[in-house]
Amino acid sequence: ERQLKMYMQRIQDVIGEGWEEHPEGQKLKHEGDAFREKLDVTQRFRKWQEGGLNGNQLLIDSYNTDTFLSHPFRISVTAQNEVSLEVNFDSNQISLFKEVKSLALLGFKIIPSIEKYSLELKKIFPFATSISEAIRIYFQASSTVDATVHVL
């Protein structure tokens, strides 16, 4: 926005006062104003917060470290009717923490429930990642063991 303001000032310095009244100047002014509106991020920020709250309010209110520790796993059935063991954590949610951190650094006021939820995700993420990797390694190793080998 600062650069746009500087460019508009340069246009005024080159063309002179009242440049907005000329047909070409009006066109430049209109394009500059339209571009400035696109740079306004407060409306996008509000939509981001509303989107985060609308779909996830129950999850945001109830999810915490204790919830993860009491139910760290989930069993799911694939399309081929195979049962798989998974960690009860959506690794895509860590992007929420990163977004909240970035927005806070930019000076945006984050809704406390979203901020609390992102901090909980930050606490849980290392554990969930470690457990998920351990499960993956276990199943990979067990698939390589021959079925004829019995437990000693």
N, C-alpha and C. Protein backbone atom coordinates (compact mmCIF):
# COMPACT_ATOMS: atom_id res chain seq x y z
N GLU A 1 0.84 -1.19 0.00
CA GLU A 1 0.00 0.00 0.00
C GLU A 1 0.88 1.25 0.00
N ARG A 2 1.97 1.16 0.76
CA ARG A 2 2.90 2.29 0.82
C ARG A 2 3.50 2.57 -0.56
N GLN A 3 3.87 1.51 -1.28
CA GLN A 3 4.44 1.68 -2.61
C GLN A 3 3.42 2.25 -3.57
N LEU A 4 2.19 1.80 -3.48
CA LEU A 4 1.14 2.33 -4.34
C LEU A 4 0.96 3.82 -4.10
N LYS A 5 0.96 4.21 -2.84
CA LYS A 5 0.84 5.63 -2.50
C LYS A 5 2.01 6.43 -3.09
N MET A 6 3.21 5.83 -3.02
CA MET A 6 4.39 6.50 -3.56
C MET A 6 4.28 6.65 -5.09
N TYR A 7 3.79 5.61 -5.78
CA TYR A 7 3.63 5.70 -7.23
C TYR A 7 2.59 6.74 -7.62
N MET A 8 1.51 6.80 -6.88
CA MET A 8 0.48 7.80 -7.16
C MET A 8 1.04 9.21 -6.95
N GLN A 9 1.89 9.38 -5.95
CA GLN A 9 2.52 10.67 -5.71
C GLN A 9 3.47 11.02 -6.86
N ARG A 10 4.18 10.04 -7.37
CA ARG A 10 5.08 10.27 -8.51
C ARG A 10 4.30 10.71 -9.74
N ILE A 11 3.14 10.10 -9.96
CA ILE A 11 2.29 10.51 -11.08
C ILE A 11 1.91 11.97 -10.92
N GLN A 12 1.54 12.35 -9.71
CA GLN A 12 1.16 13.74 -9.46
C GLN A 12 2.36 14.67 -9.67
N ASP A 13 3.55 14.23 -9.25
CA ASP A 13 4.74 15.06 -9.43
C ASP A 13 5.06 15.26 -10.91
N VAL A 14 4.85 14.22 -11.74
CA VAL A 14 5.17 14.32 -13.16
C VAL A 14 4.11 15.09 -13.92
N ILE A 15 2.85 14.76 -13.68
CA ILE A 15 1.76 15.35 -14.45
C ILE A 15 1.32 16.69 -13.85
N GLY A 16 1.36 16.81 -12.54
CA GLY A 16 0.98 18.04 -11.88
C GLY A 16 -0.32 17.91 -11.11
N GLU A 17 -0.66 19.00 -10.40
CA GLU A 17 -1.89 19.03 -9.61
C GLU A 17 -3.10 18.88 -10.52
N GLY A 18 -4.14 18.23 -10.00
CA GLY A 18 -5.38 18.05 -10.75
C GLY A 18 -5.30 16.98 -11.82
N TRP A 19 -4.34 16.11 -11.73
CA TRP A 19 -4.18 15.05 -12.73
C TRP A 19 -5.36 14.08 -12.74
N GLU A 20 -6.07 14.00 -11.60
CA GLU A 20 -7.20 13.08 -11.52
C GLU A 20 -8.39 13.53 -12.36
N GLU A 21 -8.39 14.81 -12.76
CA GLU A 21 -9.53 15.36 -13.51
C GLU A 21 -9.44 15.07 -15.00
N HIS A 22 -8.26 14.76 -15.51
CA HIS A 22 -8.09 14.43 -16.93
C HIS A 22 -8.57 13.00 -17.18
N PRO A 23 -9.03 12.69 -18.40
CA PRO A 23 -9.54 11.34 -18.68
C PRO A 23 -8.51 10.23 -18.38
N GLU A 24 -7.28 10.42 -18.79
CA GLU A 24 -6.25 9.41 -18.51
C GLU A 24 -5.95 9.35 -17.00
N GLY A 25 -5.97 10.51 -16.37
CA GLY A 25 -5.73 10.56 -14.94
C GLY A 25 -6.84 9.89 -14.15
N GLN A 26 -8.08 10.07 -14.60
CA GLN A 26 -9.22 9.41 -13.95
C GLN A 26 -9.09 7.89 -14.03
N LYS A 27 -8.63 7.44 -15.22
CA LYS A 27 -8.46 6.00 -15.40
C LYS A 27 -7.37 5.48 -14.45
N LEU A 28 -6.24 6.19 -14.37
CA LEU A 28 -5.16 5.78 -13.46
C LEU A 28 -5.62 5.81 -12.01
N LYS A 29 -6.36 6.85 -11.65
CA LYS A 29 -6.86 6.99 -10.28
C LYS A 29 -7.80 5.83 -9.95
N HIS A 30 -8.69 5.51 -10.89
CA HIS A 30 -9.64 4.41 -10.67
C HIS A 30 -8.91 3.08 -10.50
N GLU A 31 -7.92 2.81 -11.34
CA GLU A 31 -7.16 1.57 -11.24
C GLU A 31 -6.36 1.52 -9.94
N GLY A 32 -5.80 2.64 -9.54
CA GLY A 32 -5.06 2.70 -8.28
C GLY A 32 -5.95 2.44 -7.09
N ASP A 33 -7.15 3.02 -7.11
CA ASP A 33 -8.10 2.81 -6.01
C ASP A 33 -8.58 1.35 -5.96
N ALA A 34 -8.82 0.78 -7.14
CA ALA A 34 -9.26 -0.62 -7.19
C ALA A 34 -8.16 -1.54 -6.65
N PHE A 35 -6.92 -1.22 -6.99
CA PHE A 35 -5.80 -2.03 -6.51
C PHE A 35 -5.63 -1.87 -5.00
N ARG A 36 -5.85 -0.66 -4.49
CA ARG A 36 -5.74 -0.41 -3.05
C ARG A 36 -6.78 -1.22 -2.29
N GLU A 37 -7.98 -1.34 -2.85
CA GLU A 37 -9.02 -2.14 -2.21
C GLU A 37 -8.62 -3.61 -2.13
N LYS A 38 -7.92 -4.10 -3.17
CA LYS A 38 -7.47 -5.49 -3.15
C LYS A 38 -6.38 -5.70 -2.12
N LEU A 39 -5.65 -4.64 -1.79
CA LEU A 39 -4.59 -4.76 -0.80
C LEU A 39 -5.13 -4.75 0.63
N ASP A 40 -6.38 -4.34 0.80
CA ASP A 40 -6.98 -4.30 2.14
C ASP A 40 -7.24 -5.73 2.62
N VAL A 41 -6.51 -6.16 3.63
CA VAL A 41 -6.58 -7.54 4.08
C VAL A 41 -7.54 -7.73 5.26
N THR A 42 -8.08 -6.66 5.80
CA THR A 42 -8.95 -6.81 6.97
C THR A 42 -10.20 -7.61 6.63
N GLN A 43 -10.75 -7.41 5.42
CA GLN A 43 -11.95 -8.16 5.03
C GLN A 43 -11.60 -9.65 4.87
N ARG A 44 -10.46 -9.94 4.26
CA ARG A 44 -10.04 -11.33 4.12
C ARG A 44 -9.79 -11.96 5.49
N PHE A 45 -9.22 -11.18 6.39
CA PHE A 45 -8.94 -11.67 7.74
C PHE A 45 -10.24 -12.03 8.45
N ARG A 46 -11.27 -11.18 8.34
CA ARG A 46 -12.56 -11.47 8.96
C ARG A 46 -13.17 -12.76 8.38
N LYS A 47 -13.07 -12.92 7.06
CA LYS A 47 -13.60 -14.14 6.43
C LYS A 47 -12.83 -15.37 6.92
N TRP A 48 -11.51 -15.22 7.08
CA TRP A 48 -10.69 -16.33 7.58
C TRP A 48 -11.13 -16.72 8.99
N GLN A 49 -11.35 -15.73 9.85
CA GLN A 49 -11.78 -16.02 11.22
C GLN A 49 -13.16 -16.65 11.23
N GLU A 50 -14.08 -16.11 10.44
CA GLU A 50 -15.44 -16.66 10.40
C GLU A 50 -15.43 -18.08 9.86
N GLY A 51 -14.62 -18.32 8.83
CA GLY A 51 -14.51 -19.67 8.27
C GLY A 51 -13.94 -20.65 9.27
N GLY A 52 -12.96 -20.20 10.03
CA GLY A 52 -12.36 -21.06 11.05
C GLY A 52 -13.32 -21.36 12.17
N LEU A 53 -14.16 -20.41 12.51
CA LEU A 53 -15.11 -20.61 13.60
C LEU A 53 -16.32 -21.42 13.16
N ASN A 54 -16.86 -21.12 11.98
CA ASN A 54 -18.10 -21.76 11.55
C ASN A 54 -17.98 -23.27 11.48
N GLY A 55 -16.94 -23.77 10.84
CA GLY A 55 -16.84 -25.20 10.65
C GLY A 55 -16.24 -25.93 11.83
N ASN A 56 -15.53 -25.23 12.70
CA ASN A 56 -14.74 -25.92 13.72
C ASN A 56 -15.06 -25.47 15.15
N GLN A 57 -16.17 -24.83 15.40
CA GLN A 57 -16.44 -24.29 16.72
C GLN A 57 -16.45 -25.37 17.79
N LEU A 58 -17.12 -26.47 17.53
CA LEU A 58 -17.18 -27.57 18.51
C LEU A 58 -15.78 -28.14 18.72
N LEU A 59 -15.04 -28.33 17.64
CA LEU A 59 -13.69 -28.86 17.74
C LEU A 59 -12.79 -27.89 18.49
N ILE A 60 -12.89 -26.62 18.20
CA ILE A 60 -12.07 -25.60 18.87
C ILE A 60 -12.36 -25.57 20.36
N ASP A 61 -13.63 -25.65 20.72
CA ASP A 61 -13.99 -25.57 22.13
C ASP A 61 -13.59 -26.81 22.92
N SER A 62 -13.57 -27.97 22.27
CA SER A 62 -13.38 -29.22 23.02
C SER A 62 -11.99 -29.83 22.88
N TYR A 63 -11.22 -29.44 21.87
CA TYR A 63 -9.95 -30.12 21.62
C TYR A 63 -8.85 -29.50 22.47
N ASN A 64 -8.16 -30.34 23.21
CA ASN A 64 -7.01 -29.88 23.99
C ASN A 64 -6.04 -31.04 24.18
N THR A 65 -4.99 -30.78 24.91
CA THR A 65 -3.95 -31.79 25.11
C THR A 65 -4.52 -33.02 25.81
N ASP A 66 -5.39 -32.82 26.79
CA ASP A 66 -5.99 -33.96 27.50
C ASP A 66 -6.82 -34.84 26.57
N THR A 67 -7.53 -34.21 25.63
CA THR A 67 -8.33 -34.97 24.66
C THR A 67 -7.41 -35.85 23.82
N PHE A 68 -6.31 -35.29 23.37
CA PHE A 68 -5.36 -36.07 22.56
C PHE A 68 -4.76 -37.21 23.37
N LEU A 69 -4.38 -36.91 24.62
CA LEU A 69 -3.75 -37.95 25.45
C LEU A 69 -4.72 -39.06 25.82
N SER A 70 -5.99 -38.76 25.97
CA SER A 70 -6.96 -39.79 26.33
C SER A 70 -7.39 -40.63 25.12
N HIS A 71 -7.33 -40.06 23.92
CA HIS A 71 -7.70 -40.78 22.68
C HIS A 71 -6.67 -40.48 21.59
N PRO A 72 -5.45 -41.02 21.74
CA PRO A 72 -4.41 -40.67 20.76
C PRO A 72 -4.54 -41.40 19.42
N PHE A 73 -5.32 -42.48 19.38
CA PHE A 73 -5.42 -43.27 18.16
C PHE A 73 -6.84 -43.34 17.66
N ARG A 74 -6.97 -43.62 16.37
CA ARG A 74 -8.26 -43.92 15.78
C ARG A 74 -8.05 -45.05 14.78
N ILE A 75 -9.05 -45.89 14.67
CA ILE A 75 -9.00 -47.01 13.74
C ILE A 75 -9.94 -46.67 12.60
N SER A 76 -9.41 -46.74 11.39
CA SER A 76 -10.24 -46.44 10.23
C SER A 76 -10.22 -47.61 9.26
N VAL A 77 -11.25 -47.67 8.43
CA VAL A 77 -11.38 -48.72 7.44
C VAL A 77 -11.20 -48.08 6.07
N THR A 78 -10.30 -48.63 5.27
CA THR A 78 -10.03 -48.09 3.95
C THR A 78 -11.09 -48.57 2.96
N ALA A 79 -11.00 -48.11 1.74
CA ALA A 79 -11.96 -48.51 0.69
C ALA A 79 -11.85 -49.99 0.37
N GLN A 80 -10.68 -50.57 0.62
CA GLN A 80 -10.48 -52.01 0.36
C GLN A 80 -10.81 -52.85 1.59
N ASN A 81 -11.55 -52.29 2.54
CA ASN A 81 -11.94 -52.95 3.79
C ASN A 81 -10.75 -53.40 4.62
N GLU A 82 -9.68 -52.63 4.55
CA GLU A 82 -8.52 -52.88 5.38
C GLU A 82 -8.58 -51.95 6.58
N VAL A 83 -8.24 -52.47 7.73
CA VAL A 83 -8.25 -51.68 8.95
C VAL A 83 -6.87 -51.04 9.12
N SER A 84 -6.87 -49.76 9.49
CA SER A 84 -5.58 -49.09 9.70
C SER A 84 -5.62 -48.30 11.01
N LEU A 85 -4.49 -48.26 11.64
CA LEU A 85 -4.33 -47.53 12.89
C LEU A 85 -3.72 -46.17 12.56
N GLU A 86 -4.33 -45.11 13.05
CA GLU A 86 -3.86 -43.76 12.77
C GLU A 86 -3.80 -42.96 14.06
N VAL A 87 -3.03 -41.90 14.02
CA VAL A 87 -2.97 -40.98 15.14
C VAL A 87 -4.16 -40.04 15.05
N ASN A 88 -4.79 -39.76 16.15
CA ASN A 88 -5.98 -38.92 16.19
C ASN A 88 -5.58 -37.44 16.14
N PHE A 89 -4.95 -37.06 15.04
CA PHE A 89 -4.48 -35.69 14.86
C PHE A 89 -4.41 -35.41 13.38
N ASP A 90 -5.01 -34.32 12.96
CA ASP A 90 -4.96 -33.91 11.56
C ASP A 90 -3.74 -33.03 11.37
N SER A 91 -2.73 -33.55 10.69
CA SER A 91 -1.48 -32.79 10.53
C SER A 91 -1.68 -31.52 9.70
N ASN A 92 -2.76 -31.43 8.95
CA ASN A 92 -3.04 -30.21 8.20
C ASN A 92 -3.42 -29.06 9.13
N GLN A 93 -3.85 -29.38 10.34
CA GLN A 93 -4.25 -28.34 11.29
C GLN A 93 -3.06 -27.52 11.79
N ILE A 94 -1.85 -28.05 11.64
CA ILE A 94 -0.69 -27.28 12.09
C ILE A 94 -0.55 -26.00 11.28
N SER A 95 -1.09 -25.99 10.07
CA SER A 95 -1.06 -24.76 9.28
C SER A 95 -1.85 -23.65 9.98
N LEU A 96 -2.88 -24.04 10.74
CA LEU A 96 -3.64 -23.05 11.50
C LEU A 96 -2.73 -22.33 12.49
N PHE A 97 -1.90 -23.10 13.19
CA PHE A 97 -0.97 -22.48 14.13
C PHE A 97 -0.04 -21.51 13.41
N LYS A 98 0.47 -21.91 12.27
CA LYS A 98 1.39 -21.05 11.52
C LYS A 98 0.69 -19.78 11.05
N GLU A 99 -0.55 -19.91 10.59
CA GLU A 99 -1.32 -18.75 10.16
C GLU A 99 -1.58 -17.79 11.32
N VAL A 100 -1.97 -18.34 12.46
CA VAL A 100 -2.24 -17.51 13.64
C VAL A 100 -0.98 -16.76 14.06
N LYS A 101 0.14 -17.45 14.06
CA LYS A 101 1.40 -16.82 14.44
C LYS A 101 1.75 -15.68 13.48
N SER A 102 1.63 -15.93 12.19
CA SER A 102 1.94 -14.91 11.19
C SER A 102 1.00 -13.71 11.30
N LEU A 103 -0.28 -13.97 11.47
CA LEU A 103 -1.25 -12.88 11.57
C LEU A 103 -1.03 -12.06 12.84
N ALA A 104 -0.67 -12.73 13.92
CA ALA A 104 -0.39 -12.00 15.16
C ALA A 104 0.84 -11.11 14.99
N LEU A 105 1.84 -11.60 14.27
CA LEU A 105 3.03 -10.77 14.01
C LEU A 105 2.70 -9.56 13.14
N LEU A 106 1.68 -9.70 12.29
CA LEU A 106 1.26 -8.57 11.45
C LEU A 106 0.36 -7.60 12.20
N GLY A 107 0.03 -7.92 13.45
CA GLY A 107 -0.75 -7.01 14.27
C GLY A 107 -2.24 -7.25 14.28
N PHE A 108 -2.69 -8.36 13.74
CA PHE A 108 -4.11 -8.67 13.74
C PHE A 108 -4.52 -9.23 15.09
N LYS A 109 -5.72 -8.89 15.51
CA LYS A 109 -6.27 -9.38 16.77
C LYS A 109 -7.00 -10.69 16.49
N ILE A 110 -6.45 -11.77 17.02
CA ILE A 110 -7.01 -13.11 16.80
C ILE A 110 -8.07 -13.38 17.87
N ILE A 111 -9.16 -14.03 17.46
CA ILE A 111 -10.20 -14.43 18.40
C ILE A 111 -9.56 -15.39 19.42
N PRO A 112 -9.79 -15.16 20.72
CA PRO A 112 -9.13 -15.99 21.74
C PRO A 112 -9.34 -17.50 21.58
N SER A 113 -10.51 -17.93 21.15
CA SER A 113 -10.75 -19.37 21.01
C SER A 113 -9.87 -19.97 19.91
N ILE A 114 -9.68 -19.25 18.82
CA ILE A 114 -8.80 -19.73 17.74
C ILE A 114 -7.35 -19.71 18.21
N GLU A 115 -6.98 -18.68 18.92
CA GLU A 115 -5.60 -18.58 19.43
C GLU A 115 -5.29 -19.73 20.40
N LYS A 116 -6.24 -20.01 21.29
CA LYS A 116 -6.06 -21.10 22.26
C LYS A 116 -5.95 -22.44 21.54
N TYR A 117 -6.81 -22.64 20.54
CA TYR A 117 -6.80 -23.88 19.76
C TYR A 117 -5.46 -24.06 19.05
N SER A 118 -4.93 -22.98 18.47
CA SER A 118 -3.66 -23.09 17.76
C SER A 118 -2.51 -23.40 18.71
N LEU A 119 -2.57 -22.86 19.93
CA LEU A 119 -1.52 -23.18 20.91
C LEU A 119 -1.60 -24.64 21.36
N GLU A 120 -2.82 -25.17 21.47
CA GLU A 120 -2.98 -26.59 21.80
C GLU A 120 -2.40 -27.45 20.68
N LEU A 121 -2.67 -27.05 19.44
CA LEU A 121 -2.12 -27.80 18.31
C LEU A 121 -0.59 -27.77 18.32
N LYS A 122 -0.04 -26.64 18.70
CA LYS A 122 1.42 -26.51 18.75
C LYS A 122 2.01 -27.47 19.79
N LYS A 123 1.32 -27.63 20.91
CA LYS A 123 1.80 -28.54 21.96
C LYS A 123 1.72 -30.00 21.51
N ILE A 124 0.64 -30.35 20.83
CA ILE A 124 0.37 -31.74 20.47
C ILE A 124 1.18 -32.18 19.25
N PHE A 125 1.46 -31.29 18.35
CA PHE A 125 2.08 -31.63 17.07
C PHE A 125 3.32 -32.50 17.17
N PRO A 126 4.32 -32.18 18.02
CA PRO A 126 5.51 -33.05 18.06
C PRO A 126 5.21 -34.48 18.50
N PHE A 127 4.31 -34.63 19.45
CA PHE A 127 3.95 -35.97 19.93
C PHE A 127 3.20 -36.75 18.84
N ALA A 128 2.26 -36.08 18.21
CA ALA A 128 1.48 -36.74 17.16
C ALA A 128 2.37 -37.17 16.01
N THR A 129 3.31 -36.33 15.65
CA THR A 129 4.23 -36.66 14.56
C THR A 129 5.09 -37.86 14.92
N SER A 130 5.60 -37.87 16.14
CA SER A 130 6.44 -38.99 16.59
C SER A 130 5.67 -40.30 16.62
N ILE A 131 4.47 -40.27 17.16
CA ILE A 131 3.64 -41.48 17.24
C ILE A 131 3.28 -41.96 15.84
N SER A 132 2.92 -41.04 14.97
CA SER A 132 2.56 -41.40 13.61
C SER A 132 3.73 -42.06 12.89
N GLU A 133 4.91 -41.52 13.07
CA GLU A 133 6.11 -42.10 12.45
C GLU A 133 6.41 -43.48 13.03
N ALA A 134 6.23 -43.65 14.33
CA ALA A 134 6.45 -44.96 14.96
C ALA A 134 5.47 -46.00 14.42
N ILE A 135 4.22 -45.61 14.24
CA ILE A 135 3.22 -46.53 13.68
C ILE A 135 3.61 -46.92 12.25
N ARG A 136 4.01 -45.94 11.48
CA ARG A 136 4.40 -46.21 10.09
C ARG A 136 5.58 -47.18 10.04
N ILE A 137 6.59 -46.94 10.86
CA ILE A 137 7.76 -47.82 10.89
C ILE A 137 7.38 -49.22 11.35
N TYR A 138 6.53 -49.32 12.36
CA TYR A 138 6.09 -50.63 12.85
C TYR A 138 5.42 -51.44 11.75
N PHE A 139 4.46 -50.83 11.07
CA PHE A 139 3.74 -51.57 10.02
C PHE A 139 4.63 -51.87 8.83
N GLN A 140 5.55 -50.99 8.54
CA GLN A 140 6.48 -51.26 7.45
C GLN A 140 7.39 -52.44 7.82
N ALA A 141 7.88 -52.46 9.05
CA ALA A 141 8.75 -53.56 9.50
C ALA A 141 7.97 -54.86 9.59
N SER A 142 6.74 -54.82 10.10
CA SER A 142 5.96 -56.05 10.24
C SER A 142 5.55 -56.62 8.89
N SER A 143 5.44 -55.78 7.88
CA SER A 143 5.09 -56.29 6.55
C SER A 143 6.27 -57.01 5.90
N THR A 144 7.48 -56.71 6.35
CA THR A 144 8.64 -57.38 5.77
C THR A 144 8.95 -58.71 6.46
N VAL A 145 8.39 -58.93 7.65
CA VAL A 145 8.63 -60.18 8.37
C VAL A 145 7.82 -61.30 7.71
N ASP A 146 8.47 -62.39 7.49
CA ASP A 146 7.84 -63.53 6.85
C ASP A 146 6.78 -64.13 7.77
N ALA A 147 5.64 -64.52 7.22
CA ALA A 147 4.53 -65.05 8.01
C ALA A 147 4.88 -66.40 8.65
N THR A 148 5.89 -67.08 8.11
CA THR A 148 6.26 -68.38 8.67
C THR A 148 7.10 -68.24 9.93
N VAL A 149 7.60 -67.04 10.17
CA VAL A 149 8.40 -66.82 11.38
C VAL A 149 7.44 -66.68 12.55
N HIS A 150 7.67 -67.48 13.57
CA HIS A 150 6.80 -67.45 14.74
C HIS A 150 7.45 -66.60 15.82
N VAL A 151 6.60 -66.16 16.72
CA VAL A 151 7.09 -65.39 17.85
C VAL A 151 7.96 -66.29 18.70
N LEU A 152 9.12 -65.81 19.06
CA LEU A 152 10.06 -66.63 19.85
C LEU A 152 9.62 -66.79 21.27
